[in-house]
Amino acid sequence: MSQKIYLASKSPRRQELLKLMNLPYELLLKDVDESFPADLALEKVAEYIAEKKSAAFDEVLENAVLITADTVVLIDGEILGKPADEADAFAMLSKLNGREHLVITGVTLKSATKTLSFSETTKVTFSQLIEEQLWYYIKNYHPFDKAGAYGIQDWIGLVGVKAINGSYTNVMGLPTERLYKELEKFS
């Protein structure tokens, strides 16, 4: 990639994934309101928020590309965002326990002359865990910065994810295979 890459994300997982892809980048951080219109289709929320994050950067991106992303967990017509506290994390994990859900990551690429947005969806199935296992995960892994209150790369992903259909890295917060292809075309 000949263009300089900026990543606008506080997510340590997104930062790690770009490093693992051997894509040098610099961080650009701003706080962005992550609200969305009530009538927006839930499958479009992650992409909408990624676009909103991108729009917060008005700087000219000469010979550079900005990457923004957002991940949501969707089950029973409800978006599970980041849990507020332990009780909220337990409620989220209880909803996911023994069931299938969707993880949707929206990504926006922005340069001085163009913008491209896309999203990836992965189906994840949790095995049935007992309450003590859910609490063990919450107390030991503090999943408060993760949509749906879990990180697939953590303990719970190793012992509690029964099946995955789609991109593993998408569940971590960045669909790397698709991102790489889109970056190649975006240049």
N, C-alpha and C. Protein backbone atom coordinates (compact mmCIF):
# COMPACT_ATOMS: atom_id res chain seq x y z
N MET A 1 0.84 -1.18 0.00
CA MET A 1 0.00 0.00 0.00
C MET A 1 0.89 1.24 0.00
N SER A 2 0.67 2.09 -0.95
CA SER A 2 1.51 3.27 -1.07
C SER A 2 1.00 4.42 -0.21
N GLN A 3 -0.28 4.39 0.14
CA GLN A 3 -0.85 5.47 0.93
C GLN A 3 -0.56 5.27 2.41
N LYS A 4 -0.44 6.39 3.10
CA LYS A 4 -0.32 6.36 4.54
C LYS A 4 -1.67 5.96 5.11
N ILE A 5 -1.67 5.21 6.20
CA ILE A 5 -2.92 4.76 6.82
C ILE A 5 -3.07 5.41 8.19
N TYR A 6 -4.26 5.95 8.41
CA TYR A 6 -4.66 6.43 9.73
C TYR A 6 -5.78 5.53 10.23
N LEU A 7 -5.68 5.13 11.48
CA LEU A 7 -6.74 4.35 12.11
C LEU A 7 -7.37 5.22 13.18
N ALA A 8 -8.66 5.42 13.06
CA ALA A 8 -9.39 6.19 14.07
C ALA A 8 -10.17 5.20 14.93
N SER A 9 -9.48 4.61 15.89
CA SER A 9 -10.10 3.61 16.76
C SER A 9 -9.31 3.48 18.05
N LYS A 10 -10.03 3.46 19.15
CA LYS A 10 -9.41 3.23 20.45
C LYS A 10 -9.28 1.74 20.74
N SER A 11 -9.85 0.90 19.89
CA SER A 11 -9.86 -0.55 20.11
C SER A 11 -8.47 -1.15 20.01
N PRO A 12 -7.99 -1.75 21.09
CA PRO A 12 -6.69 -2.42 21.03
C PRO A 12 -6.71 -3.59 20.04
N ARG A 13 -7.87 -4.23 19.86
CA ARG A 13 -7.95 -5.35 18.93
C ARG A 13 -7.80 -4.88 17.49
N ARG A 14 -8.44 -3.78 17.13
CA ARG A 14 -8.28 -3.26 15.76
C ARG A 14 -6.83 -2.85 15.51
N GLN A 15 -6.22 -2.22 16.49
CA GLN A 15 -4.83 -1.82 16.36
C GLN A 15 -3.93 -3.05 16.18
N GLU A 16 -4.18 -4.07 16.97
CA GLU A 16 -3.40 -5.31 16.88
C GLU A 16 -3.58 -5.98 15.52
N LEU A 17 -4.80 -6.01 15.02
CA LEU A 17 -5.07 -6.65 13.73
C LEU A 17 -4.34 -5.95 12.59
N LEU A 18 -4.33 -4.61 12.59
CA LEU A 18 -3.58 -3.90 11.55
C LEU A 18 -2.08 -4.20 11.64
N LYS A 19 -1.57 -4.28 12.86
CA LYS A 19 -0.15 -4.63 13.03
C LYS A 19 0.12 -6.03 12.49
N LEU A 20 -0.76 -6.98 12.79
CA LEU A 20 -0.59 -8.35 12.31
C LEU A 20 -0.67 -8.43 10.78
N MET A 21 -1.39 -7.49 10.17
CA MET A 21 -1.50 -7.43 8.71
C MET A 21 -0.29 -6.74 8.08
N ASN A 22 0.65 -6.29 8.92
CA ASN A 22 1.84 -5.54 8.46
C ASN A 22 1.44 -4.26 7.73
N LEU A 23 0.42 -3.60 8.24
CA LEU A 23 0.00 -2.31 7.69
C LEU A 23 0.37 -1.22 8.68
N PRO A 24 1.46 -0.50 8.43
CA PRO A 24 1.84 0.58 9.34
C PRO A 24 0.74 1.66 9.34
N TYR A 25 0.47 2.18 10.50
CA TYR A 25 -0.58 3.19 10.63
C TYR A 25 -0.26 4.14 11.76
N GLU A 26 -0.96 5.26 11.75
CA GLU A 26 -0.93 6.19 12.87
C GLU A 26 -2.33 6.31 13.41
N LEU A 27 -2.44 6.51 14.71
CA LEU A 27 -3.75 6.68 15.34
C LEU A 27 -4.21 8.12 15.26
N LEU A 28 -5.47 8.30 14.94
CA LEU A 28 -6.15 9.59 15.04
C LEU A 28 -7.38 9.35 15.90
N LEU A 29 -7.50 10.04 17.01
CA LEU A 29 -8.60 9.76 17.92
C LEU A 29 -9.46 10.99 18.17
N LYS A 30 -10.77 10.76 18.14
CA LYS A 30 -11.76 11.78 18.51
C LYS A 30 -12.92 11.04 19.15
N ASP A 31 -13.55 11.69 20.10
CA ASP A 31 -14.78 11.13 20.65
C ASP A 31 -15.92 11.48 19.70
N VAL A 32 -16.72 10.48 19.36
CA VAL A 32 -17.83 10.66 18.43
C VAL A 32 -19.09 10.10 19.06
N ASP A 33 -20.18 10.83 18.93
CA ASP A 33 -21.48 10.37 19.39
C ASP A 33 -21.87 9.15 18.55
N GLU A 34 -22.15 8.03 19.19
CA GLU A 34 -22.45 6.80 18.48
C GLU A 34 -23.96 6.51 18.41
N SER A 35 -24.77 7.55 18.52
CA SER A 35 -26.21 7.35 18.40
C SER A 35 -26.56 7.15 16.92
N PHE A 36 -27.77 6.64 16.70
CA PHE A 36 -28.23 6.38 15.34
C PHE A 36 -29.74 6.58 15.29
N PRO A 37 -30.28 6.83 14.11
CA PRO A 37 -31.73 7.06 13.99
C PRO A 37 -32.52 5.82 14.41
N ALA A 38 -33.60 6.03 15.12
CA ALA A 38 -34.42 4.93 15.62
C ALA A 38 -35.02 4.08 14.50
N ASP A 39 -35.22 4.67 13.33
CA ASP A 39 -35.83 3.92 12.23
C ASP A 39 -34.81 3.25 11.31
N LEU A 40 -33.53 3.32 11.65
CA LEU A 40 -32.48 2.70 10.85
C LEU A 40 -32.53 1.18 11.04
N ALA A 41 -32.45 0.42 9.95
CA ALA A 41 -32.41 -1.04 10.04
C ALA A 41 -31.20 -1.45 10.90
N LEU A 42 -31.41 -2.35 11.85
CA LEU A 42 -30.36 -2.72 12.79
C LEU A 42 -29.12 -3.28 12.08
N GLU A 43 -29.31 -3.92 10.94
CA GLU A 43 -28.18 -4.46 10.18
C GLU A 43 -27.31 -3.35 9.59
N LYS A 44 -27.81 -2.12 9.56
CA LYS A 44 -27.07 -0.99 8.97
C LYS A 44 -26.40 -0.10 10.03
N VAL A 45 -26.66 -0.37 11.30
CA VAL A 45 -26.18 0.51 12.38
C VAL A 45 -24.65 0.60 12.42
N ALA A 46 -23.96 -0.52 12.34
CA ALA A 46 -22.49 -0.50 12.45
C ALA A 46 -21.87 0.33 11.33
N GLU A 47 -22.37 0.15 10.11
CA GLU A 47 -21.85 0.92 8.98
C GLU A 47 -22.18 2.41 9.15
N TYR A 48 -23.36 2.71 9.61
CA TYR A 48 -23.77 4.11 9.84
C TYR A 48 -22.82 4.77 10.85
N ILE A 49 -22.52 4.08 11.94
CA ILE A 49 -21.65 4.66 12.97
C ILE A 49 -20.21 4.79 12.46
N ALA A 50 -19.75 3.81 11.66
CA ALA A 50 -18.41 3.91 11.06
C ALA A 50 -18.33 5.15 10.17
N GLU A 51 -19.39 5.41 9.39
CA GLU A 51 -19.44 6.60 8.54
C GLU A 51 -19.46 7.87 9.38
N LYS A 52 -20.20 7.83 10.48
CA LYS A 52 -20.28 8.99 11.38
C LYS A 52 -18.90 9.29 11.99
N LYS A 53 -18.20 8.25 12.38
CA LYS A 53 -16.84 8.42 12.92
C LYS A 53 -15.92 9.04 11.87
N SER A 54 -16.04 8.56 10.64
CA SER A 54 -15.21 9.08 9.56
C SER A 54 -15.49 10.55 9.29
N ALA A 55 -16.76 10.93 9.34
CA ALA A 55 -17.15 12.32 9.08
C ALA A 55 -16.59 13.29 10.11
N ALA A 56 -16.21 12.78 11.28
CA ALA A 56 -15.65 13.63 12.34
C ALA A 56 -14.26 14.15 11.99
N PHE A 57 -13.64 13.56 10.96
CA PHE A 57 -12.30 13.95 10.56
C PHE A 57 -12.38 14.74 9.27
N ASP A 58 -12.32 16.05 9.40
CA ASP A 58 -12.41 16.94 8.25
C ASP A 58 -11.05 17.27 7.66
N GLU A 59 -9.99 16.84 8.31
CA GLU A 59 -8.66 17.16 7.83
C GLU A 59 -8.48 16.62 6.42
N VAL A 60 -7.70 17.29 5.64
CA VAL A 60 -7.38 16.81 4.30
C VAL A 60 -6.45 15.60 4.43
N LEU A 61 -6.82 14.53 3.77
CA LEU A 61 -6.06 13.30 3.87
C LEU A 61 -5.29 13.05 2.57
N GLU A 62 -4.40 13.98 2.25
CA GLU A 62 -3.62 13.87 1.02
C GLU A 62 -2.72 12.64 1.08
N ASN A 63 -2.80 11.82 0.05
CA ASN A 63 -2.03 10.59 -0.04
C ASN A 63 -2.14 9.74 1.22
N ALA A 64 -3.33 9.70 1.80
CA ALA A 64 -3.56 8.92 3.01
C ALA A 64 -4.99 8.38 2.98
N VAL A 65 -5.19 7.33 3.77
CA VAL A 65 -6.53 6.76 3.91
C VAL A 65 -6.82 6.62 5.41
N LEU A 66 -8.02 6.99 5.78
CA LEU A 66 -8.50 6.89 7.16
C LEU A 66 -9.39 5.67 7.26
N ILE A 67 -9.19 4.86 8.28
CA ILE A 67 -10.04 3.69 8.54
C ILE A 67 -10.80 3.94 9.83
N THR A 68 -12.13 3.84 9.75
CA THR A 68 -12.98 3.87 10.93
C THR A 68 -13.84 2.61 10.92
N ALA A 69 -14.26 2.17 12.11
CA ALA A 69 -15.05 0.94 12.19
C ALA A 69 -15.93 0.97 13.43
N ASP A 70 -16.98 0.18 13.37
CA ASP A 70 -17.85 -0.03 14.52
C ASP A 70 -18.39 -1.45 14.46
N THR A 71 -18.52 -2.08 15.62
CA THR A 71 -19.01 -3.45 15.69
C THR A 71 -20.21 -3.51 16.61
N VAL A 72 -21.25 -4.24 16.17
CA VAL A 72 -22.42 -4.46 17.01
C VAL A 72 -22.72 -5.96 17.05
N VAL A 73 -23.37 -6.36 18.12
CA VAL A 73 -23.87 -7.72 18.27
C VAL A 73 -25.39 -7.64 18.20
N LEU A 74 -25.99 -8.48 17.37
CA LEU A 74 -27.43 -8.43 17.13
C LEU A 74 -28.06 -9.77 17.48
N ILE A 75 -29.06 -9.73 18.36
CA ILE A 75 -29.81 -10.93 18.72
C ILE A 75 -31.25 -10.54 19.04
N ASP A 76 -32.18 -11.33 18.56
CA ASP A 76 -33.60 -11.09 18.81
C ASP A 76 -34.04 -9.67 18.50
N GLY A 77 -33.52 -9.11 17.43
CA GLY A 77 -33.92 -7.76 17.05
C GLY A 77 -33.42 -6.68 17.99
N GLU A 78 -32.35 -6.96 18.71
CA GLU A 78 -31.78 -6.01 19.68
C GLU A 78 -30.27 -5.92 19.47
N ILE A 79 -29.77 -4.71 19.53
CA ILE A 79 -28.32 -4.50 19.47
C ILE A 79 -27.76 -4.53 20.88
N LEU A 80 -26.73 -5.35 21.05
CA LEU A 80 -26.01 -5.38 22.32
C LEU A 80 -24.72 -4.60 22.11
N GLY A 81 -24.62 -3.48 22.77
CA GLY A 81 -23.42 -2.66 22.68
C GLY A 81 -22.42 -3.07 23.74
N LYS A 82 -21.70 -2.10 24.25
CA LYS A 82 -20.73 -2.36 25.31
C LYS A 82 -21.48 -2.33 26.65
N PRO A 83 -21.21 -3.28 27.53
CA PRO A 83 -21.92 -3.30 28.81
C PRO A 83 -21.49 -2.17 29.73
N ALA A 84 -22.45 -1.66 30.50
CA ALA A 84 -22.17 -0.56 31.42
C ALA A 84 -21.46 -1.03 32.69
N ASP A 85 -21.75 -2.26 33.10
CA ASP A 85 -21.20 -2.78 34.35
C ASP A 85 -21.30 -4.30 34.34
N GLU A 86 -20.94 -4.94 35.46
CA GLU A 86 -20.96 -6.40 35.55
C GLU A 86 -22.36 -6.97 35.34
N ALA A 87 -23.36 -6.36 35.94
CA ALA A 87 -24.72 -6.86 35.80
C ALA A 87 -25.19 -6.79 34.35
N ASP A 88 -24.85 -5.71 33.68
CA ASP A 88 -25.20 -5.56 32.26
C ASP A 88 -24.46 -6.61 31.41
N ALA A 89 -23.19 -6.84 31.72
CA ALA A 89 -22.42 -7.86 30.99
C ALA A 89 -23.05 -9.24 31.20
N PHE A 90 -23.45 -9.54 32.43
CA PHE A 90 -24.08 -10.84 32.70
C PHE A 90 -25.39 -10.98 31.94
N ALA A 91 -26.19 -9.92 31.89
CA ALA A 91 -27.46 -9.96 31.16
C ALA A 91 -27.21 -10.21 29.67
N MET A 92 -26.20 -9.55 29.11
CA MET A 92 -25.88 -9.75 27.68
C MET A 92 -25.42 -11.18 27.42
N LEU A 93 -24.48 -11.65 28.22
CA LEU A 93 -23.96 -13.00 28.02
C LEU A 93 -25.06 -14.05 28.22
N SER A 94 -25.98 -13.79 29.11
CA SER A 94 -27.11 -14.70 29.33
C SER A 94 -27.99 -14.78 28.08
N LYS A 95 -28.18 -13.65 27.39
CA LYS A 95 -28.97 -13.65 26.15
C LYS A 95 -28.28 -14.46 25.05
N LEU A 96 -26.95 -14.40 25.01
CA LEU A 96 -26.19 -15.09 23.98
C LEU A 96 -25.98 -16.57 24.30
N ASN A 97 -26.05 -16.93 25.55
CA ASN A 97 -25.72 -18.26 26.04
C ASN A 97 -26.55 -19.35 25.35
N GLY A 98 -25.86 -20.28 24.71
CA GLY A 98 -26.52 -21.40 24.06
C GLY A 98 -27.25 -21.05 22.78
N ARG A 99 -26.98 -19.87 22.22
CA ARG A 99 -27.74 -19.39 21.07
C ARG A 99 -26.83 -18.83 19.98
N GLU A 100 -27.44 -18.62 18.82
CA GLU A 100 -26.75 -18.00 17.68
C GLU A 100 -27.07 -16.51 17.67
N HIS A 101 -26.08 -15.71 17.29
CA HIS A 101 -26.27 -14.27 17.13
C HIS A 101 -25.41 -13.79 15.97
N LEU A 102 -25.62 -12.55 15.58
CA LEU A 102 -24.85 -11.94 14.50
C LEU A 102 -23.88 -10.91 15.06
N VAL A 103 -22.69 -10.87 14.49
CA VAL A 103 -21.74 -9.81 14.78
C VAL A 103 -21.54 -9.06 13.46
N ILE A 104 -21.82 -7.77 13.48
CA ILE A 104 -21.73 -6.95 12.28
C ILE A 104 -20.72 -5.84 12.52
N THR A 105 -19.73 -5.78 11.64
CA THR A 105 -18.75 -4.70 11.71
C THR A 105 -18.88 -3.85 10.45
N GLY A 106 -19.07 -2.56 10.67
CA GLY A 106 -19.09 -1.58 9.58
C GLY A 106 -17.74 -0.92 9.50
N VAL A 107 -17.26 -0.70 8.29
CA VAL A 107 -15.94 -0.08 8.07
C VAL A 107 -16.10 1.03 7.04
N THR A 108 -15.44 2.15 7.29
CA THR A 108 -15.39 3.23 6.31
C THR A 108 -13.93 3.56 6.00
N LEU A 109 -13.64 3.65 4.71
CA LEU A 109 -12.34 4.10 4.22
C LEU A 109 -12.55 5.48 3.62
N LYS A 110 -11.69 6.43 3.99
CA LYS A 110 -11.86 7.80 3.53
C LYS A 110 -10.51 8.38 3.12
N SER A 111 -10.49 9.02 1.94
CA SER A 111 -9.30 9.74 1.50
C SER A 111 -9.71 11.17 1.20
N ALA A 112 -8.81 11.94 0.64
CA ALA A 112 -9.12 13.33 0.30
C ALA A 112 -10.16 13.41 -0.82
N THR A 113 -10.28 12.34 -1.61
CA THR A 113 -11.16 12.41 -2.79
C THR A 113 -12.33 11.44 -2.78
N LYS A 114 -12.31 10.44 -1.91
CA LYS A 114 -13.42 9.47 -1.94
C LYS A 114 -13.62 8.81 -0.59
N THR A 115 -14.80 8.18 -0.48
CA THR A 115 -15.19 7.44 0.72
C THR A 115 -15.84 6.14 0.30
N LEU A 116 -15.53 5.06 1.01
CA LEU A 116 -16.13 3.76 0.77
C LEU A 116 -16.54 3.16 2.10
N SER A 117 -17.77 2.68 2.19
CA SER A 117 -18.23 2.00 3.39
C SER A 117 -18.74 0.61 3.04
N PHE A 118 -18.53 -0.32 3.95
CA PHE A 118 -19.03 -1.68 3.79
C PHE A 118 -19.21 -2.30 5.17
N SER A 119 -19.89 -3.43 5.20
CA SER A 119 -20.03 -4.15 6.45
C SER A 119 -19.91 -5.65 6.21
N GLU A 120 -19.51 -6.35 7.23
CA GLU A 120 -19.40 -7.81 7.22
C GLU A 120 -20.24 -8.35 8.37
N THR A 121 -20.86 -9.50 8.13
CA THR A 121 -21.68 -10.15 9.14
C THR A 121 -21.16 -11.56 9.38
N THR A 122 -21.02 -11.92 10.63
CA THR A 122 -20.58 -13.26 11.03
C THR A 122 -21.61 -13.83 12.00
N LYS A 123 -21.99 -15.09 11.78
CA LYS A 123 -22.87 -15.80 12.72
C LYS A 123 -22.02 -16.53 13.74
N VAL A 124 -22.33 -16.31 15.01
CA VAL A 124 -21.59 -16.95 16.09
C VAL A 124 -22.59 -17.73 16.95
N THR A 125 -22.25 -18.97 17.29
CA THR A 125 -23.11 -19.78 18.15
C THR A 125 -22.36 -20.10 19.43
N PHE A 126 -22.97 -19.72 20.55
CA PHE A 126 -22.42 -20.04 21.86
C PHE A 126 -22.92 -21.40 22.30
N SER A 127 -22.08 -22.17 22.97
CA SER A 127 -22.54 -23.37 23.64
C SER A 127 -23.22 -22.93 24.94
N GLN A 128 -23.84 -23.85 25.62
CA GLN A 128 -24.53 -23.54 26.88
C GLN A 128 -23.52 -23.53 28.01
N LEU A 129 -23.31 -22.39 28.62
CA LEU A 129 -22.41 -22.27 29.76
C LEU A 129 -23.24 -22.09 31.03
N ILE A 130 -22.68 -22.49 32.16
CA ILE A 130 -23.39 -22.30 33.43
C ILE A 130 -23.09 -20.89 33.95
N GLU A 131 -23.94 -20.41 34.85
CA GLU A 131 -23.82 -19.04 35.38
C GLU A 131 -22.42 -18.77 35.95
N GLU A 132 -21.87 -19.75 36.65
CA GLU A 132 -20.55 -19.57 37.25
C GLU A 132 -19.49 -19.29 36.19
N GLN A 133 -19.62 -19.92 35.03
CA GLN A 133 -18.66 -19.67 33.94
C GLN A 133 -18.81 -18.26 33.39
N LEU A 134 -20.05 -17.80 33.26
CA LEU A 134 -20.28 -16.43 32.79
C LEU A 134 -19.67 -15.43 33.76
N TRP A 135 -19.91 -15.66 35.05
CA TRP A 135 -19.37 -14.74 36.07
C TRP A 135 -17.84 -14.82 36.11
N TYR A 136 -17.28 -16.02 35.95
CA TYR A 136 -15.82 -16.17 35.92
C TYR A 136 -15.24 -15.29 34.81
N TYR A 137 -15.86 -15.37 33.64
CA TYR A 137 -15.37 -14.57 32.51
C TYR A 137 -15.46 -13.08 32.82
N ILE A 138 -16.59 -12.65 33.32
CA ILE A 138 -16.78 -11.22 33.61
C ILE A 138 -15.77 -10.73 34.65
N LYS A 139 -15.61 -11.48 35.72
CA LYS A 139 -14.72 -11.07 36.82
C LYS A 139 -13.24 -11.08 36.40
N ASN A 140 -12.86 -12.01 35.53
CA ASN A 140 -11.45 -12.16 35.18
C ASN A 140 -11.04 -11.47 33.89
N TYR A 141 -12.00 -11.20 33.01
CA TYR A 141 -11.64 -10.62 31.71
C TYR A 141 -12.24 -9.23 31.47
N HIS A 142 -13.10 -8.77 32.35
CA HIS A 142 -13.63 -7.40 32.31
C HIS A 142 -14.01 -6.95 30.90
N PRO A 143 -15.03 -7.56 30.30
CA PRO A 143 -15.35 -7.30 28.89
C PRO A 143 -16.20 -6.04 28.66
N PHE A 144 -15.86 -4.96 29.33
CA PHE A 144 -16.69 -3.75 29.29
C PHE A 144 -16.43 -2.88 28.07
N ASP A 145 -15.38 -3.19 27.31
CA ASP A 145 -15.09 -2.41 26.10
C ASP A 145 -15.43 -3.21 24.85
N LYS A 146 -16.25 -4.25 25.02
CA LYS A 146 -16.56 -5.14 23.90
C LYS A 146 -18.06 -5.22 23.65
N ALA A 147 -18.45 -5.07 22.39
CA ALA A 147 -19.86 -5.24 22.02
C ALA A 147 -20.31 -6.64 22.39
N GLY A 148 -21.47 -6.75 23.01
CA GLY A 148 -21.99 -8.05 23.41
C GLY A 148 -21.33 -8.63 24.64
N ALA A 149 -20.41 -7.88 25.24
CA ALA A 149 -19.74 -8.25 26.48
C ALA A 149 -18.80 -9.46 26.34
N TYR A 150 -18.27 -9.67 25.13
CA TYR A 150 -17.28 -10.74 25.01
C TYR A 150 -16.29 -10.47 23.89
N GLY A 151 -15.12 -11.05 24.07
CA GLY A 151 -14.11 -11.05 23.03
C GLY A 151 -13.87 -12.48 22.60
N ILE A 152 -14.06 -12.76 21.33
CA ILE A 152 -13.92 -14.14 20.84
C ILE A 152 -12.51 -14.67 21.05
N GLN A 153 -11.52 -13.78 21.13
CA GLN A 153 -10.14 -14.18 21.34
C GLN A 153 -9.83 -14.45 22.81
N ASP A 154 -10.78 -14.18 23.70
CA ASP A 154 -10.62 -14.38 25.14
C ASP A 154 -11.01 -15.81 25.53
N TRP A 155 -10.91 -16.09 26.82
CA TRP A 155 -11.27 -17.39 27.40
C TRP A 155 -12.65 -17.86 26.94
N ILE A 156 -13.63 -16.98 26.98
CA ILE A 156 -14.99 -17.40 26.63
C ILE A 156 -15.09 -17.84 25.17
N GLY A 157 -14.31 -17.24 24.30
CA GLY A 157 -14.29 -17.67 22.91
C GLY A 157 -13.68 -19.06 22.75
N LEU A 158 -12.70 -19.36 23.58
CA LEU A 158 -12.04 -20.66 23.52
C LEU A 158 -12.91 -21.78 24.07
N VAL A 159 -13.67 -21.52 25.11
CA VAL A 159 -14.46 -22.58 25.75
C VAL A 159 -15.96 -22.49 25.47
N GLY A 160 -16.42 -21.36 24.94
CA GLY A 160 -17.86 -21.17 24.82
C GLY A 160 -18.40 -20.95 23.42
N VAL A 161 -17.53 -20.79 22.43
CA VAL A 161 -18.03 -20.59 21.07
C VAL A 161 -18.06 -21.94 20.37
N LYS A 162 -19.26 -22.38 20.06
CA LYS A 162 -19.49 -23.69 19.45
C LYS A 162 -19.26 -23.66 17.94
N ALA A 163 -19.68 -22.56 17.30
CA ALA A 163 -19.56 -22.48 15.84
C ALA A 163 -19.44 -21.03 15.42
N ILE A 164 -18.80 -20.85 14.27
CA ILE A 164 -18.68 -19.52 13.68
C ILE A 164 -18.83 -19.68 12.17
N ASN A 165 -19.64 -18.82 11.60
CA ASN A 165 -19.85 -18.84 10.15
C ASN A 165 -19.56 -17.44 9.63
N GLY A 166 -18.38 -17.28 9.05
CA GLY A 166 -17.95 -15.97 8.57
C GLY A 166 -16.56 -15.65 9.09
N SER A 167 -16.23 -14.39 9.06
CA SER A 167 -14.89 -13.93 9.41
C SER A 167 -14.67 -13.91 10.93
N TYR A 168 -13.64 -14.63 11.35
CA TYR A 168 -13.26 -14.63 12.77
C TYR A 168 -12.81 -13.23 13.20
N THR A 169 -11.99 -12.57 12.36
CA THR A 169 -11.48 -11.25 12.76
C THR A 169 -12.60 -10.21 12.76
N ASN A 170 -13.65 -10.46 12.01
CA ASN A 170 -14.81 -9.57 12.06
C ASN A 170 -15.39 -9.54 13.47
N VAL A 171 -15.42 -10.70 14.12
CA VAL A 171 -15.94 -10.79 15.49
C VAL A 171 -15.00 -10.06 16.45
N MET A 172 -13.72 -9.99 16.12
CA MET A 172 -12.76 -9.23 16.91
C MET A 172 -12.90 -7.72 16.69
N GLY A 173 -13.57 -7.33 15.59
CA GLY A 173 -13.80 -5.91 15.36
C GLY A 173 -13.31 -5.36 14.05
N LEU A 174 -12.73 -6.21 13.19
CA LEU A 174 -12.23 -5.73 11.90
C LEU A 174 -12.13 -6.91 10.93
N PRO A 175 -12.95 -6.92 9.88
CA PRO A 175 -12.90 -8.02 8.91
C PRO A 175 -11.66 -7.87 8.02
N THR A 176 -10.55 -8.41 8.46
CA THR A 176 -9.25 -8.13 7.86
C THR A 176 -9.14 -8.56 6.40
N GLU A 177 -9.66 -9.70 6.05
CA GLU A 177 -9.55 -10.18 4.67
C GLU A 177 -10.26 -9.22 3.72
N ARG A 178 -11.47 -8.83 4.08
CA ARG A 178 -12.23 -7.89 3.25
C ARG A 178 -11.56 -6.51 3.26
N LEU A 179 -11.11 -6.07 4.43
CA LEU A 179 -10.44 -4.77 4.52
C LEU A 179 -9.23 -4.73 3.60
N TYR A 180 -8.43 -5.78 3.59
CA TYR A 180 -7.23 -5.80 2.76
C TYR A 180 -7.59 -5.66 1.28
N LYS A 181 -8.60 -6.41 0.84
CA LYS A 181 -9.03 -6.32 -0.56
C LYS A 181 -9.55 -4.92 -0.90
N GLU A 182 -10.32 -4.35 0.01
CA GLU A 182 -10.88 -3.01 -0.24
C GLU A 182 -9.78 -1.95 -0.25
N LEU A 183 -8.79 -2.09 0.61
CA LEU A 183 -7.66 -1.14 0.62
C LEU A 183 -6.87 -1.23 -0.69
N GLU A 184 -6.68 -2.42 -1.20
CA GLU A 184 -5.96 -2.58 -2.47
C GLU A 184 -6.68 -1.87 -3.60
N LYS A 185 -8.01 -1.97 -3.64
CA LYS A 185 -8.80 -1.31 -4.68
C LYS A 185 -8.91 0.20 -4.44
N PHE A 186 -8.86 0.59 -3.17
CA PHE A 186 -9.07 1.99 -2.79
C PHE A 186 -7.89 2.86 -3.15
N SER A 187 -6.70 2.29 -3.18
CA SER A 187 -5.46 3.04 -3.46
C SER A 187 -5.51 3.77 -4.78
